[in-house]
Amino acid sequence: MFDIGFWELFFLFLLTLFVLGPEKLPEVASYLGKQFGKVQRYFSSVKDKIDSEVDSTDIKSILKDQELSISELQKRIKETQYESESDKSEKSD
């Protein structure tokens, strides 16, 4: 996601240390960690809700039914093509 290496993180740490000072840095780090945890839990719950909705509507069975219908239609098209070709060959003979 982010291409941040060790030196970039070290530079950011030093920058925040100079801006906030050593007294505020632990408080800000704790606050940011808690907020990041909340965001992770939120996205996890959204993902779980989407997964449960997908399972409840049973999309997989709907897709399987559609695939069967498509294969049946393809079979009918091939049969019609074969019949059409055989009709043409009978007329030409």
C-alpha atoms as a PDB file:
ATOM      1  CA  MET A   1       0.000   0.000   0.000  1.00  0.00           C
ATOM      2  CA  PHE A   2       2.513   2.602   1.144  1.00  0.00           C
ATOM      3  CA  ASP A   3       6.098   2.199   0.102  1.00  0.00           C
ATOM      4  CA  ILE A   4       7.647   3.545   3.296  1.00  0.00           C
ATOM      5  CA  GLY A   5      10.977   2.130   4.384  1.00  0.00           C
ATOM      6  CA  PHE A   6      12.876   2.272   7.633  1.00  0.00           C
ATOM      7  CA  TRP A   7      14.585   5.594   6.956  1.00  0.00           C
ATOM      8  CA  GLU A   8      11.342   7.306   6.001  1.00  0.00           C
ATOM      9  CA  LEU A   9       9.733   6.113   9.230  1.00  0.00           C
ATOM     10  CA  PHE A  10      12.781   7.203  11.212  1.00  0.00           C
ATOM     11  CA  PHE A  11      12.635  10.651   9.615  1.00  0.00           C
ATOM     12  CA  LEU A  12       8.903  10.950  10.394  1.00  0.00           C
ATOM     13  CA  PHE A  13       9.567   9.914  13.989  1.00  0.00           C
ATOM     14  CA  LEU A  14      12.271  12.563  14.380  1.00  0.00           C
ATOM     15  CA  LEU A  15      10.080  15.199  12.776  1.00  0.00           C
ATOM     16  CA  THR A  16       7.162  14.458  15.103  1.00  0.00           C
ATOM     17  CA  LEU A  17       9.530  14.379  18.059  1.00  0.00           C
ATOM     18  CA  PHE A  18      10.741  17.890  17.209  1.00  0.00           C
ATOM     19  CA  VAL A  19       7.245  19.218  16.513  1.00  0.00           C
ATOM     20  CA  LEU A  20       5.402  17.672  19.441  1.00  0.00           C
ATOM     21  CA  GLY A  21       8.184  17.292  21.947  1.00  0.00           C
ATOM     22  CA  PRO A  22       8.979  14.265  24.075  1.00  0.00           C
ATOM     23  CA  GLU A  23       6.094  14.947  26.497  1.00  0.00           C
ATOM     24  CA  LYS A  24       3.291  14.858  23.922  1.00  0.00           C
ATOM     25  CA  LEU A  25       4.682  12.144  21.655  1.00  0.00           C
ATOM     26  CA  PRO A  26       3.461   9.134  23.712  1.00  0.00           C
ATOM     27  CA  GLU A  27      -0.022  10.665  24.044  1.00  0.00           C
ATOM     28  CA  VAL A  28      -0.305  11.314  20.310  1.00  0.00           C
ATOM     29  CA  ALA A  29       1.056   7.860  19.453  1.00  0.00           C
ATOM     30  CA  SER A  30      -1.484   6.250  21.781  1.00  0.00           C
ATOM     31  CA  TYR A  31      -4.332   8.298  20.302  1.00  0.00           C
ATOM     32  CA  LEU A  32      -3.295   7.465  16.727  1.00  0.00           C
ATOM     33  CA  GLY A  33      -2.970   3.774  17.594  1.00  0.00           C
ATOM     34  CA  LYS A  34      -6.483   3.717  19.076  1.00  0.00           C
ATOM     35  CA  GLN A  35      -7.951   5.500  16.062  1.00  0.00           C
ATOM     36  CA  PHE A  36      -6.168   3.146  13.676  1.00  0.00           C
ATOM     37  CA  GLY A  37      -7.593   0.190  15.631  1.00  0.00           C
ATOM     38  CA  LYS A  38     -11.094   1.639  15.355  1.00  0.00           C
ATOM     39  CA  VAL A  39     -10.718   2.066  11.604  1.00  0.00           C
ATOM     40  CA  GLN A  40      -9.476  -1.524  11.242  1.00  0.00           C
ATOM     41  CA  ARG A  41     -12.415  -2.862  13.293  1.00  0.00           C
ATOM     42  CA  TYR A  42     -14.860  -0.794  11.224  1.00  0.00           C
ATOM     43  CA  PHE A  43     -13.534  -2.124   7.917  1.00  0.00           C
ATOM     44  CA  SER A  44     -13.491  -5.642   9.312  1.00  0.00           C
ATOM     45  CA  SER A  45     -17.136  -5.369  10.356  1.00  0.00           C
ATOM     46  CA  VAL A  46     -18.115  -3.952   6.947  1.00  0.00           C
ATOM     47  CA  LYS A  47     -16.326  -6.848   5.237  1.00  0.00           C
ATOM     48  CA  ASP A  48     -18.074  -9.359   7.493  1.00  0.00           C
ATOM     49  CA  LYS A  49     -21.472  -7.793   6.750  1.00  0.00           C
ATOM     50  CA  ILE A  50     -20.842  -7.926   3.009  1.00  0.00           C
ATOM     51  CA  ASP A  51     -19.762 -11.555   3.259  1.00  0.00           C
ATOM     52  CA  SER A  52     -22.868 -12.462   5.248  1.00  0.00           C
ATOM     53  CA  GLU A  53     -25.123 -10.689   2.723  1.00  0.00           C
ATOM     54  CA  VAL A  54     -23.469 -12.535  -0.147  1.00  0.00           C
ATOM     55  CA  ASP A  55     -23.953 -15.826   1.647  1.00  0.00           C
ATOM     56  CA  SER A  56     -27.555 -15.057   2.596  1.00  0.00           C
ATOM     57  CA  THR A  57     -28.617 -14.295  -0.963  1.00  0.00           C
ATOM     58  CA  ASP A  58     -26.759 -17.365  -2.115  1.00  0.00           C
ATOM     59  CA  ILE A  59     -25.237 -15.768  -5.169  1.00  0.00           C
ATOM     60  CA  LYS A  60     -23.176 -18.840  -5.843  1.00  0.00           C
ATOM     61  CA  SER A  61     -26.254 -20.965  -6.530  1.00  0.00           C
ATOM     62  CA  ILE A  62     -27.691 -18.250  -8.762  1.00  0.00           C
ATOM     63  CA  LEU A  63     -24.457 -18.145 -10.745  1.00  0.00           C
ATOM     64  CA  LYS A  64     -24.453 -21.914 -11.056  1.00  0.00           C
ATOM     65  CA  ASP A  65     -28.020 -21.876 -12.369  1.00  0.00           C
ATOM     66  CA  GLN A  66     -27.047 -19.210 -14.884  1.00  0.00           C
ATOM     67  CA  GLU A  67     -24.049 -21.241 -16.027  1.00  0.00           C
ATOM     68  CA  LEU A  68     -26.300 -24.259 -16.569  1.00  0.00           C
ATOM     69  CA  SER A  69     -28.718 -22.140 -18.582  1.00  0.00           C
ATOM     70  CA  ILE A  70     -25.876 -20.769 -20.685  1.00  0.00           C
ATOM     71  CA  SER A  71     -24.496 -24.227 -21.386  1.00  0.00           C
ATOM     72  CA  GLU A  72     -27.973 -25.438 -22.383  1.00  0.00           C
ATOM     73  CA  LEU A  73     -28.366 -22.483 -24.732  1.00  0.00           C
ATOM     74  CA  GLN A  74     -24.959 -23.153 -26.247  1.00  0.00           C
ATOM     75  CA  LYS A  75     -25.943 -26.773 -26.806  1.00  0.00           C
ATOM     76  CA  ARG A  76     -29.158 -25.685 -28.536  1.00  0.00           C
ATOM     77  CA  ILE A  77     -27.247 -23.241 -30.742  1.00  0.00           C
ATOM     78  CA  LYS A  78     -24.862 -25.988 -31.826  1.00  0.00           C
ATOM     79  CA  GLU A  79     -27.771 -28.326 -32.569  1.00  0.00           C
ATOM     80  CA  THR A  80     -29.480 -25.622 -34.618  1.00  0.00           C
ATOM     81  CA  GLN A  81     -26.278 -24.944 -36.521  1.00  0.00           C
ATOM     82  CA  TYR A  82     -25.869 -28.653 -37.222  1.00  0.00           C
ATOM     83  CA  GLU A  83     -29.459 -28.946 -38.404  1.00  0.00           C
ATOM     84  CA  SER A  84     -29.050 -25.866 -40.579  1.00  0.00           C
ATOM     85  CA  GLU A  85     -25.875 -27.252 -42.148  1.00  0.00           C
ATOM     86  CA  SER A  86     -27.507 -30.627 -42.756  1.00  0.00           C
ATOM     87  CA  ASP A  87     -30.521 -28.897 -44.388  1.00  0.00           C
ATOM     88  CA  LYS A  88     -28.193 -26.972 -46.661  1.00  0.00           C
ATOM     89  CA  SER A  89     -26.326 -30.092 -47.658  1.00  0.00           C
ATOM     90  CA  GLU A  90     -29.600 -31.953 -48.409  1.00  0.00           C
ATOM     91  CA  LYS A  91     -30.850 -29.102 -50.600  1.00  0.00           C
ATOM     92  CA  SER A  92     -27.594 -28.916 -52.539  1.00  0.00           C
ATOM     93  CA  ASP A  93     -27.616 -32.675 -53.260  1.00  0.00           C
END
